[in-house]
Amino acid sequence: LPDGIPVAGIAGDQQAALFGQACFEPGQAKSTYGTGAFVLMNTGTE
């Protein structure tokens, strides 16, 4: 890689998928079906 590229985003596997699914409101949920299945629901700031 060339020098000087910003390193700017980090997230765990399933959290990244929740963000990628734009589940930004509490109560929104996603399920990822891979080898296993992983269901995450946004519960807000608490």
ModelCIF file with pLDDT and N, C-alpha, C, O atoms, coordinates in Angstrom:
data_MODEL
#
_entry.id   MODEL 
#
_entity.id                         1 
_entity.type                       polymer 
_entity.pdbx_number_of_molecules   1 
#
_entity_poly.entity_id                      1 
_entity_poly.type                           'polypeptide(L)' 
_entity_poly.nstd_linkage                   no 
_entity_poly.nstd_monomer                   no 
_entity_poly.pdbx_seq_one_letter_code       LPDGIPVAGIAGDQQAALFGQACFEPGQAKSTYGTGAFVLMNTGTE 
_entity_poly.pdbx_seq_one_letter_code_can   LPDGIPVAGIAGDQQAALFGQACFEPGQAKSTYGTGAFVLMNTGTE 
_entity_poly.pdbx_strand_id                 A 
#
loop_
_entity_poly_seq.entity_id 
_entity_poly_seq.num 
_entity_poly_seq.mon_id 
_entity_poly_seq.hetero 
1 1  LEU n 
1 2  PRO n 
1 3  ASP n 
1 4  GLY n 
1 5  ILE n 
1 6  PRO n 
1 7  VAL n 
1 8  ALA n 
1 9  GLY n 
1 10 ILE n 
1 11 ALA n 
1 12 GLY n 
1 13 ASP n 
1 14 GLN n 
1 15 GLN n 
1 16 ALA n 
1 17 ALA n 
1 18 LEU n 
1 19 PHE n 
1 20 GLY n 
1 21 GLN n 
1 22 ALA n 
1 23 CYS n 
1 24 PHE n 
1 25 GLU n 
1 26 PRO n 
1 27 GLY n 
1 28 GLN n 
1 29 ALA n 
1 30 LYS n 
1 31 SER n 
1 32 THR n 
1 33 TYR n 
1 34 GLY n 
1 35 THR n 
1 36 GLY n 
1 37 ALA n 
1 38 PHE n 
1 39 VAL n 
1 40 LEU n 
1 41 MET n 
1 42 ASN n 
1 43 THR n 
1 44 GLY n 
1 45 THR n 
1 46 GLU n 
#
_struct_asym.id          A 
_struct_asym.entity_id   1 
#
loop_
_ma_qa_metric.id 
_ma_qa_metric.mode 
_ma_qa_metric.name 
_ma_qa_metric.software_group_id 
_ma_qa_metric.type 
1 global pLDDT . pLDDT 
2 local  pLDDT . pLDDT 
#
_ma_qa_metric_global.metric_id      1 
_ma_qa_metric_global.metric_value   96.11 
_ma_qa_metric_global.model_id       1 
_ma_qa_metric_global.ordinal_id     1 
#
loop_
_ma_qa_metric_local.label_asym_id 
_ma_qa_metric_local.label_comp_id 
_ma_qa_metric_local.label_seq_id 
_ma_qa_metric_local.metric_id 
_ma_qa_metric_local.metric_value 
_ma_qa_metric_local.model_id 
_ma_qa_metric_local.ordinal_id 
A LEU 1  2 94.00 1 1  
A PRO 2  2 96.00 1 2  
A ASP 3  2 97.00 1 3  
A GLY 4  2 96.00 1 4  
A ILE 5  2 96.00 1 5  
A PRO 6  2 96.00 1 6  
A VAL 7  2 96.00 1 7  
A ALA 8  2 96.00 1 8  
A GLY 9  2 95.00 1 9  
A ILE 10 2 97.00 1 10 
A ALA 11 2 97.00 1 11 
A GLY 12 2 96.00 1 12 
A ASP 13 2 94.00 1 13 
A GLN 14 2 96.00 1 14 
A GLN 15 2 97.00 1 15 
A ALA 16 2 97.00 1 16 
A ALA 17 2 97.00 1 17 
A LEU 18 2 98.00 1 18 
A PHE 19 2 98.00 1 19 
A GLY 20 2 97.00 1 20 
A GLN 21 2 97.00 1 21 
A ALA 22 2 97.00 1 22 
A CYS 23 2 97.00 1 23 
A PHE 24 2 97.00 1 24 
A GLU 25 2 95.00 1 25 
A PRO 26 2 94.00 1 26 
A GLY 27 2 94.00 1 27 
A GLN 28 2 95.00 1 28 
A ALA 29 2 97.00 1 29 
A LYS 30 2 97.00 1 30 
A SER 31 2 97.00 1 31 
A THR 32 2 97.00 1 32 
A TYR 33 2 97.00 1 33 
A GLY 34 2 94.00 1 34 
A THR 35 2 95.00 1 35 
A GLY 36 2 96.00 1 36 
A ALA 37 2 97.00 1 37 
A PHE 38 2 97.00 1 38 
A VAL 39 2 98.00 1 39 
A LEU 40 2 97.00 1 40 
A MET 41 2 96.00 1 41 
A ASN 42 2 96.00 1 42 
A THR 43 2 95.00 1 43 
A GLY 44 2 95.00 1 44 
A THR 45 2 96.00 1 45 
A GLU 46 2 92.00 1 46 
#
loop_
_atom_site.group_PDB 
_atom_site.id 
_atom_site.type_symbol 
_atom_site.label_atom_id 
_atom_site.label_alt_id 
_atom_site.label_comp_id 
_atom_site.label_asym_id 
_atom_site.label_entity_id 
_atom_site.label_seq_id 
_atom_site.pdbx_PDB_ins_code 
_atom_site.Cartn_x 
_atom_site.Cartn_y 
_atom_site.Cartn_z 
_atom_site.occupancy 
_atom_site.B_iso_or_equiv 
_atom_site.pdbx_formal_charge 
_atom_site.auth_seq_id 
_atom_site.auth_comp_id 
_atom_site.auth_asym_id 
_atom_site.auth_atom_id 
_atom_site.pdbx_PDB_model_num 
ATOM 1   N N  . LEU A 1 1  ? 0.845   -1.196  0.000  1.00 94.00 ? 1  LEU A N  1 
ATOM 2   C CA . LEU A 1 1  ? 0.000   0.000   0.000  1.00 94.00 ? 1  LEU A CA 1 
ATOM 3   C C  . LEU A 1 1  ? 0.875   1.239   0.000  1.00 94.00 ? 1  LEU A C  1 
ATOM 4   O O  . LEU A 1 1  ? 1.942   1.239   0.614  1.00 94.00 ? 1  LEU A O  1 
ATOM 5   N N  . PRO A 1 2  ? 0.448   2.291   -0.673 1.00 96.00 ? 2  PRO A N  1 
ATOM 6   C CA . PRO A 1 2  ? 1.203   3.541   -0.591 1.00 96.00 ? 2  PRO A CA 1 
ATOM 7   C C  . PRO A 1 2  ? 1.150   4.105   0.826  1.00 96.00 ? 2  PRO A C  1 
ATOM 8   O O  . PRO A 1 2  ? 0.200   3.845   1.565  1.00 96.00 ? 2  PRO A O  1 
ATOM 9   N N  . ASP A 1 3  ? 2.152   4.864   1.199  1.00 97.00 ? 3  ASP A N  1 
ATOM 10  C CA . ASP A 1 3  ? 2.114   5.572   2.480  1.00 97.00 ? 3  ASP A CA 1 
ATOM 11  C C  . ASP A 1 3  ? 1.064   6.681   2.418  1.00 97.00 ? 3  ASP A C  1 
ATOM 12  O O  . ASP A 1 3  ? 0.764   7.217   1.351  1.00 97.00 ? 3  ASP A O  1 
ATOM 13  N N  . GLY A 1 4  ? 0.513   7.010   3.589  1.00 96.00 ? 4  GLY A N  1 
ATOM 14  C CA . GLY A 1 4  ? -0.355  8.178   3.692  1.00 96.00 ? 4  GLY A CA 1 
ATOM 15  C C  . GLY A 1 4  ? -1.848  7.931   3.546  1.00 96.00 ? 4  GLY A C  1 
ATOM 16  O O  . GLY A 1 4  ? -2.630  8.882   3.546  1.00 96.00 ? 4  GLY A O  1 
ATOM 17  N N  . ILE A 1 5  ? -2.261  6.663   3.420  1.00 96.00 ? 5  ILE A N  1 
ATOM 18  C CA . ILE A 1 5  ? -3.701  6.369   3.358  1.00 96.00 ? 5  ILE A CA 1 
ATOM 19  C C  . ILE A 1 5  ? -4.268  6.390   4.773  1.00 96.00 ? 5  ILE A C  1 
ATOM 20  O O  . ILE A 1 5  ? -3.719  5.723   5.651  1.00 96.00 ? 5  ILE A O  1 
ATOM 21  N N  . PRO A 1 6  ? -5.348  7.132   5.029  1.00 96.00 ? 6  PRO A N  1 
ATOM 22  C CA . PRO A 1 6  ? -5.926  7.144   6.379  1.00 96.00 ? 6  PRO A CA 1 
ATOM 23  C C  . PRO A 1 6  ? -6.452  5.768   6.782  1.00 96.00 ? 6  PRO A C  1 
ATOM 24  O O  . PRO A 1 6  ? -7.135  5.099   6.007  1.00 96.00 ? 6  PRO A O  1 
ATOM 25  N N  . VAL A 1 7  ? -6.130  5.368   7.980  1.00 96.00 ? 7  VAL A N  1 
ATOM 26  C CA . VAL A 1 7  ? -6.730  4.170   8.586  1.00 96.00 ? 7  VAL A CA 1 
ATOM 27  C C  . VAL A 1 7  ? -7.843  4.691   9.481  1.00 96.00 ? 7  VAL A C  1 
ATOM 28  O O  . VAL A 1 7  ? -7.575  5.387   10.460 1.00 96.00 ? 7  VAL A O  1 
ATOM 29  N N  . ALA A 1 8  ? -9.098  4.361   9.153  1.00 96.00 ? 8  ALA A N  1 
ATOM 30  C CA . ALA A 1 8  ? -10.169 5.178   9.710  1.00 96.00 ? 8  ALA A CA 1 
ATOM 31  C C  . ALA A 1 8  ? -11.411 4.438   10.194 1.00 96.00 ? 8  ALA A C  1 
ATOM 32  O O  . ALA A 1 8  ? -12.299 5.088   10.746 1.00 96.00 ? 8  ALA A O  1 
ATOM 33  N N  . GLY A 1 9  ? -11.533 3.145   10.029 1.00 95.00 ? 9  GLY A N  1 
ATOM 34  C CA . GLY A 1 9  ? -12.747 2.465   10.477 1.00 95.00 ? 9  GLY A CA 1 
ATOM 35  C C  . GLY A 1 9  ? -12.430 1.084   11.003 1.00 95.00 ? 9  GLY A C  1 
ATOM 36  O O  . GLY A 1 9  ? -11.774 0.296   10.322 1.00 95.00 ? 9  GLY A O  1 
ATOM 37  N N  . ILE A 1 10 ? -12.886 0.778   12.205 1.00 97.00 ? 10 ILE A N  1 
ATOM 38  C CA . ILE A 1 10 ? -12.652 -0.538  12.804 1.00 97.00 ? 10 ILE A CA 1 
ATOM 39  C C  . ILE A 1 10 ? -13.950 -0.999  13.451 1.00 97.00 ? 10 ILE A C  1 
ATOM 40  O O  . ILE A 1 10 ? -14.609 -0.228  14.150 1.00 97.00 ? 10 ILE A O  1 
ATOM 41  N N  . ALA A 1 11 ? -14.318 -2.257  13.218 1.00 97.00 ? 11 ALA A N  1 
ATOM 42  C CA . ALA A 1 11 ? -15.461 -2.833  13.930 1.00 97.00 ? 11 ALA A CA 1 
ATOM 43  C C  . ALA A 1 11 ? -15.363 -4.341  13.897 1.00 97.00 ? 11 ALA A C  1 
ATOM 44  O O  . ALA A 1 11 ? -14.837 -4.920  12.946 1.00 97.00 ? 11 ALA A O  1 
ATOM 45  N N  . GLY A 1 12 ? -15.866 -4.969  14.928 1.00 96.00 ? 12 GLY A N  1 
ATOM 46  C CA . GLY A 1 12 ? -15.971 -6.415  14.948 1.00 96.00 ? 12 GLY A CA 1 
ATOM 47  C C  . GLY A 1 12 ? -16.911 -6.893  13.851 1.00 96.00 ? 12 GLY A C  1 
ATOM 48  O O  . GLY A 1 12 ? -17.715 -6.126  13.324 1.00 96.00 ? 12 GLY A O  1 
ATOM 49  N N  . ASP A 1 13 ? -16.798 -8.149  13.523 1.00 94.00 ? 13 ASP A N  1 
ATOM 50  C CA . ASP A 1 13 ? -17.508 -8.732  12.382 1.00 94.00 ? 13 ASP A CA 1 
ATOM 51  C C  . ASP A 1 13 ? -19.001 -8.400  12.388 1.00 94.00 ? 13 ASP A C  1 
ATOM 52  O O  . ASP A 1 13 ? -19.503 -7.790  11.444 1.00 94.00 ? 13 ASP A O  1 
ATOM 53  N N  . GLN A 1 14 ? -19.703 -8.793  13.433 1.00 96.00 ? 14 GLN A N  1 
ATOM 54  C CA . GLN A 1 14 ? -21.156 -8.637  13.428 1.00 96.00 ? 14 GLN A CA 1 
ATOM 55  C C  . GLN A 1 14 ? -21.604 -7.206  13.680 1.00 96.00 ? 14 GLN A C  1 
ATOM 56  O O  . GLN A 1 14 ? -22.654 -6.788  13.193 1.00 96.00 ? 14 GLN A O  1 
ATOM 57  N N  . GLN A 1 15 ? -20.817 -6.457  14.435 1.00 97.00 ? 15 GLN A N  1 
ATOM 58  C CA . GLN A 1 15 ? -21.145 -5.036  14.615 1.00 97.00 ? 15 GLN A CA 1 
ATOM 59  C C  . GLN A 1 15 ? -21.017 -4.285  13.303 1.00 97.00 ? 15 GLN A C  1 
ATOM 60  O O  . GLN A 1 15 ? -21.818 -3.398  13.006 1.00 97.00 ? 15 GLN A O  1 
ATOM 61  N N  . ALA A 1 16 ? -20.009 -4.641  12.519 1.00 97.00 ? 16 ALA A N  1 
ATOM 62  C CA . ALA A 1 16 ? -19.849 -4.010  11.212 1.00 97.00 ? 16 ALA A CA 1 
ATOM 63  C C  . ALA A 1 16 ? -21.041 -4.326  10.313 1.00 97.00 ? 16 ALA A C  1 
ATOM 64  O O  . ALA A 1 16 ? -21.504 -3.465  9.565  1.00 97.00 ? 16 ALA A O  1 
ATOM 65  N N  . ALA A 1 17 ? -21.537 -5.567  10.387 1.00 97.00 ? 17 ALA A N  1 
ATOM 66  C CA . ALA A 1 17 ? -22.702 -5.934  9.594  1.00 97.00 ? 17 ALA A CA 1 
ATOM 67  C C  . ALA A 1 17 ? -23.943 -5.168  10.042 1.00 97.00 ? 17 ALA A C  1 
ATOM 68  O O  . ALA A 1 17 ? -24.750 -4.756  9.208  1.00 97.00 ? 17 ALA A O  1 
ATOM 69  N N  . LEU A 1 18 ? -24.101 -4.975  11.348 1.00 98.00 ? 18 LEU A N  1 
ATOM 70  C CA . LEU A 1 18 ? -25.238 -4.198  11.862 1.00 98.00 ? 18 LEU A CA 1 
ATOM 71  C C  . LEU A 1 18 ? -25.176 -2.764  11.342 1.00 98.00 ? 18 LEU A C  1 
ATOM 72  O O  . LEU A 1 18 ? -26.201 -2.184  10.982 1.00 98.00 ? 18 LEU A O  1 
ATOM 73  N N  . PHE A 1 19 ? -23.974 -2.196  11.304 1.00 98.00 ? 19 PHE A N  1 
ATOM 74  C CA . PHE A 1 19 ? -23.804 -0.838  10.790 1.00 98.00 ? 19 PHE A CA 1 
ATOM 75  C C  . PHE A 1 19 ? -24.032 -0.822  9.282  1.00 98.00 ? 19 PHE A C  1 
ATOM 76  O O  . PHE A 1 19 ? -24.669 0.090   8.756  1.00 98.00 ? 19 PHE A O  1 
ATOM 77  N N  . GLY A 1 20 ? -23.514 -1.825  8.595  1.00 97.00 ? 20 GLY A N  1 
ATOM 78  C CA . GLY A 1 20 ? -23.698 -1.903  7.151  1.00 97.00 ? 20 GLY A CA 1 
ATOM 79  C C  . GLY A 1 20 ? -25.157 -2.035  6.754  1.00 97.00 ? 20 GLY A C  1 
ATOM 80  O O  . GLY A 1 20 ? -25.548 -1.628  5.660  1.00 97.00 ? 20 GLY A O  1 
ATOM 81  N N  . GLN A 1 21 ? -25.962 -2.603  7.642  1.00 97.00 ? 21 GLN A N  1 
ATOM 82  C CA . GLN A 1 21 ? -27.398 -2.721  7.402  1.00 97.00 ? 21 GLN A CA 1 
ATOM 83  C C  . GLN A 1 21 ? -28.160 -1.468  7.822  1.00 97.00 ? 21 GLN A C  1 
ATOM 84  O O  . GLN A 1 21 ? -29.390 -1.442  7.774  1.00 97.00 ? 21 GLN A O  1 
ATOM 85  N N  . ALA A 1 22 ? -27.436 -0.433  8.232  1.00 97.00 ? 22 ALA A N  1 
ATOM 86  C CA . ALA A 1 22 ? -28.036 0.861   8.620  1.00 97.00 ? 22 ALA A CA 1 
ATOM 87  C C  . ALA A 1 22 ? -29.080 0.701   9.715  1.00 97.00 ? 22 ALA A C  1 
ATOM 88  O O  . ALA A 1 22 ? -30.117 1.365   9.700  1.00 97.00 ? 22 ALA A O  1 
ATOM 89  N N  . CYS A 1 23 ? -28.798 -0.190  10.667 1.00 97.00 ? 23 CYS A N  1 
ATOM 90  C CA . CYS A 1 23 ? -29.704 -0.379  11.810 1.00 97.00 ? 23 CYS A CA 1 
ATOM 91  C C  . CYS A 1 23 ? -29.338 0.640   12.895 1.00 97.00 ? 23 CYS A C  1 
ATOM 92  O O  . CYS A 1 23 ? -28.773 0.287   13.930 1.00 97.00 ? 23 CYS A O  1 
ATOM 93  N N  . PHE A 1 24 ? -29.664 1.887   12.640 1.00 97.00 ? 24 PHE A N  1 
ATOM 94  C CA . PHE A 1 24 ? -29.224 2.986   13.496 1.00 97.00 ? 24 PHE A CA 1 
ATOM 95  C C  . PHE A 1 24 ? -30.219 3.326   14.605 1.00 97.00 ? 24 PHE A C  1 
ATOM 96  O O  . PHE A 1 24 ? -29.880 4.050   15.541 1.00 97.00 ? 24 PHE A O  1 
ATOM 97  N N  . GLU A 1 25 ? -31.445 2.807   14.506 1.00 95.00 ? 25 GLU A N  1 
ATOM 98  C CA . GLU A 1 25 ? -32.457 3.135   15.495 1.00 95.00 ? 25 GLU A CA 1 
ATOM 99  C C  . GLU A 1 25 ? -32.637 1.966   16.468 1.00 95.00 ? 25 GLU A C  1 
ATOM 100 O O  . GLU A 1 25 ? -32.592 0.807   16.055 1.00 95.00 ? 25 GLU A O  1 
ATOM 101 N N  . PRO A 1 26 ? -32.842 2.264   17.764 1.00 94.00 ? 26 PRO A N  1 
ATOM 102 C CA . PRO A 1 26 ? -33.104 1.192   18.721 1.00 94.00 ? 26 PRO A CA 1 
ATOM 103 C C  . PRO A 1 26 ? -34.283 0.334   18.262 1.00 94.00 ? 26 PRO A C  1 
ATOM 104 O O  . PRO A 1 26 ? -35.326 0.851   17.861 1.00 94.00 ? 26 PRO A O  1 
ATOM 105 N N  . GLY A 1 27 ? -34.098 -0.974  18.328 1.00 94.00 ? 27 GLY A N  1 
ATOM 106 C CA . GLY A 1 27 ? -35.134 -1.896  17.894 1.00 94.00 ? 27 GLY A CA 1 
ATOM 107 C C  . GLY A 1 27 ? -34.894 -2.473  16.520 1.00 94.00 ? 27 GLY A C  1 
ATOM 108 O O  . GLY A 1 27 ? -35.469 -3.505  16.174 1.00 94.00 ? 27 GLY A O  1 
ATOM 109 N N  . GLN A 1 28 ? -34.048 -1.824  15.722 1.00 95.00 ? 28 GLN A N  1 
ATOM 110 C CA . GLN A 1 28 ? -33.733 -2.375  14.404 1.00 95.00 ? 28 GLN A CA 1 
ATOM 111 C C  . GLN A 1 28 ? -32.747 -3.530  14.568 1.00 95.00 ? 28 GLN A C  1 
ATOM 112 O O  . GLN A 1 28 ? -31.839 -3.477  15.398 1.00 95.00 ? 28 GLN A O  1 
ATOM 113 N N  . ALA A 1 29 ? -32.944 -4.571  13.763 1.00 97.00 ? 29 ALA A N  1 
ATOM 114 C CA . ALA A 1 29 ? -32.146 -5.786  13.927 1.00 97.00 ? 29 ALA A CA 1 
ATOM 115 C C  . ALA A 1 29 ? -31.762 -6.382  12.583 1.00 97.00 ? 29 ALA A C  1 
ATOM 116 O O  . ALA A 1 29 ? -32.428 -6.172  11.570 1.00 97.00 ? 29 ALA A O  1 
ATOM 117 N N  . LYS A 1 30 ? -30.673 -7.129  12.606 1.00 97.00 ? 30 LYS A N  1 
ATOM 118 C CA . LYS A 1 30 ? -30.219 -7.834  11.395 1.00 97.00 ? 30 LYS A CA 1 
ATOM 119 C C  . LYS A 1 30 ? -29.816 -9.242  11.771 1.00 97.00 ? 30 LYS A C  1 
ATOM 120 O O  . LYS A 1 30 ? -29.471 -9.525  12.918 1.00 97.00 ? 30 LYS A O  1 
ATOM 121 N N  . SER A 1 31 ? -29.867 -10.129 10.773 1.00 97.00 ? 31 SER A N  1 
ATOM 122 C CA . SER A 1 31 ? -29.372 -11.493 10.938 1.00 97.00 ? 31 SER A CA 1 
ATOM 123 C C  . SER A 1 31 ? -28.440 -11.808 9.791  1.00 97.00 ? 31 SER A C  1 
ATOM 124 O O  . SER A 1 31 ? -28.806 -11.649 8.626  1.00 97.00 ? 31 SER A O  1 
ATOM 125 N N  . THR A 1 32 ? -27.249 -12.249 10.107 1.00 97.00 ? 32 THR A N  1 
ATOM 126 C CA . THR A 1 32 ? -26.264 -12.645 9.107  1.00 97.00 ? 32 THR A CA 1 
ATOM 127 C C  . THR A 1 32 ? -26.214 -14.166 9.046  1.00 97.00 ? 32 THR A C  1 
ATOM 128 O O  . THR A 1 32 ? -25.961 -14.826 10.054 1.00 97.00 ? 32 THR A O  1 
ATOM 129 N N  . TYR A 1 33 ? -26.456 -14.718 7.860  1.00 97.00 ? 33 TYR A N  1 
ATOM 130 C CA . TYR A 1 33 ? -26.479 -16.162 7.669  1.00 97.00 ? 33 TYR A CA 1 
ATOM 131 C C  . TYR A 1 33 ? -25.192 -16.593 6.986  1.00 97.00 ? 33 TYR A C  1 
ATOM 132 O O  . TYR A 1 33 ? -25.071 -16.519 5.763  1.00 97.00 ? 33 TYR A O  1 
ATOM 133 N N  . GLY A 1 34 ? -24.252 -17.034 7.769  1.00 94.00 ? 34 GLY A N  1 
ATOM 134 C CA . GLY A 1 34 ? -23.009 -17.567 7.231  1.00 94.00 ? 34 GLY A CA 1 
ATOM 135 C C  . GLY A 1 34 ? -22.883 -19.015 7.662  1.00 94.00 ? 34 GLY A C  1 
ATOM 136 O O  . GLY A 1 34 ? -23.857 -19.766 7.611  1.00 94.00 ? 34 GLY A O  1 
ATOM 137 N N  . THR A 1 35 ? -21.692 -19.414 8.084  1.00 95.00 ? 35 THR A N  1 
ATOM 138 C CA . THR A 1 35 ? -21.507 -20.739 8.662  1.00 95.00 ? 35 THR A CA 1 
ATOM 139 C C  . THR A 1 35 ? -22.459 -20.925 9.834  1.00 95.00 ? 35 THR A C  1 
ATOM 140 O O  . THR A 1 35 ? -23.116 -21.956 9.976  1.00 95.00 ? 35 THR A O  1 
ATOM 141 N N  . GLY A 1 36 ? -22.511 -19.887 10.672 1.00 96.00 ? 36 GLY A N  1 
ATOM 142 C CA . GLY A 1 36 ? -23.527 -19.788 11.716 1.00 96.00 ? 36 GLY A CA 1 
ATOM 143 C C  . GLY A 1 36 ? -24.473 -18.662 11.366 1.00 96.00 ? 36 GLY A C  1 
ATOM 144 O O  . GLY A 1 36 ? -24.409 -18.113 10.266 1.00 96.00 ? 36 GLY A O  1 
ATOM 145 N N  . ALA A 1 37 ? -25.353 -18.313 12.294 1.00 97.00 ? 37 ALA A N  1 
ATOM 146 C CA . ALA A 1 37 ? -26.240 -17.171 12.091 1.00 97.00 ? 37 ALA A CA 1 
ATOM 147 C C  . ALA A 1 37 ? -26.112 -16.257 13.295 1.00 97.00 ? 37 ALA A C  1 
ATOM 148 O O  . ALA A 1 37 ? -26.063 -16.721 14.435 1.00 97.00 ? 37 ALA A O  1 
ATOM 149 N N  . PHE A 1 38 ? -26.057 -14.950 13.039 1.00 97.00 ? 38 PHE A N  1 
ATOM 150 C CA . PHE A 1 38 ? -25.788 -13.997 14.104 1.00 97.00 ? 38 PHE A CA 1 
ATOM 151 C C  . PHE A 1 38 ? -26.806 -12.869 14.030 1.00 97.00 ? 38 PHE A C  1 
ATOM 152 O O  . PHE A 1 38 ? -26.863 -12.119 13.055 1.00 97.00 ? 38 PHE A O  1 
ATOM 153 N N  . VAL A 1 39 ? -27.608 -12.768 15.083 1.00 98.00 ? 39 VAL A N  1 
ATOM 154 C CA . VAL A 1 39 ? -28.674 -11.776 15.149 1.00 98.00 ? 39 VAL A CA 1 
ATOM 155 C C  . VAL A 1 39 ? -28.265 -10.694 16.122 1.00 98.00 ? 39 VAL A C  1 
ATOM 156 O O  . VAL A 1 39 ? -27.933 -10.986 17.271 1.00 98.00 ? 39 VAL A O  1 
ATOM 157 N N  . LEU A 1 40 ? -28.284 -9.439  15.676 1.00 97.00 ? 40 LEU A N  1 
ATOM 158 C CA . LEU A 1 40 ? -27.996 -8.300  16.540 1.00 97.00 ? 40 LEU A CA 1 
ATOM 159 C C  . LEU A 1 40 ? -29.121 -7.294  16.457 1.00 97.00 ? 40 LEU A C  1 
ATOM 160 O O  . LEU A 1 40 ? -29.646 -7.016  15.379 1.00 97.00 ? 40 LEU A O  1 
ATOM 161 N N  . MET A 1 41 ? -29.491 -6.744  17.619 1.00 96.00 ? 41 MET A N  1 
ATOM 162 C CA . MET A 1 41 ? -30.494 -5.683  17.684 1.00 96.00 ? 41 MET A CA 1 
ATOM 163 C C  . MET A 1 41 ? -29.892 -4.453  18.348 1.00 96.00 ? 41 MET A C  1 
ATOM 164 O O  . MET A 1 41 ? -29.311 -4.551  19.429 1.00 96.00 ? 41 MET A O  1 
ATOM 165 N N  . ASN A 1 42 ? -30.026 -3.311  17.717 1.00 96.00 ? 42 ASN A N  1 
ATOM 166 C CA . ASN A 1 42 ? -29.601 -2.044  18.290 1.00 96.00 ? 42 ASN A CA 1 
ATOM 167 C C  . ASN A 1 42 ? -30.501 -1.734  19.484 1.00 96.00 ? 42 ASN A C  1 
ATOM 168 O O  . ASN A 1 42 ? -31.724 -1.697  19.348 1.00 96.00 ? 42 ASN A O  1 
ATOM 169 N N  . THR A 1 43 ? -29.898 -1.512  20.653 1.00 95.00 ? 43 THR A N  1 
ATOM 170 C CA . THR A 1 43 ? -30.681 -1.179  21.849 1.00 95.00 ? 43 THR A CA 1 
ATOM 171 C C  . THR A 1 43 ? -30.438 0.248   22.323 1.00 95.00 ? 43 THR A C  1 
ATOM 172 O O  . THR A 1 43 ? -30.889 0.619   23.407 1.00 95.00 ? 43 THR A O  1 
ATOM 173 N N  . GLY A 1 44 ? -29.729 1.060   21.528 1.00 95.00 ? 44 GLY A N  1 
ATOM 174 C CA . GLY A 1 44 ? -29.539 2.458   21.882 1.00 95.00 ? 44 GLY A CA 1 
ATOM 175 C C  . GLY A 1 44 ? -28.332 2.669   22.771 1.00 95.00 ? 44 GLY A C  1 
ATOM 176 O O  . GLY A 1 44 ? -27.420 1.842   22.799 1.00 95.00 ? 44 GLY A O  1 
ATOM 177 N N  . THR A 1 45 ? -28.325 3.766   23.491 1.00 96.00 ? 45 THR A N  1 
ATOM 178 C CA . THR A 1 45 ? -27.154 4.175   24.271 1.00 96.00 ? 45 THR A CA 1 
ATOM 179 C C  . THR A 1 45 ? -27.129 3.602   25.681 1.00 96.00 ? 45 THR A C  1 
ATOM 180 O O  . THR A 1 45 ? -26.226 3.910   26.458 1.00 96.00 ? 45 THR A O  1 
ATOM 181 N N  . GLU A 1 46 ? -28.110 2.773   26.017 1.00 92.00 ? 46 GLU A N  1 
ATOM 182 C CA . GLU A 1 46 ? -28.108 2.104   27.315 1.00 92.00 ? 46 GLU A CA 1 
ATOM 183 C C  . GLU A 1 46 ? -27.998 0.598   27.093 1.00 92.00 ? 46 GLU A C  1 
ATOM 184 O O  . GLU A 1 46 ? -27.978 -0.167  28.057 1.00 92.00 ? 46 GLU A O  1 
#
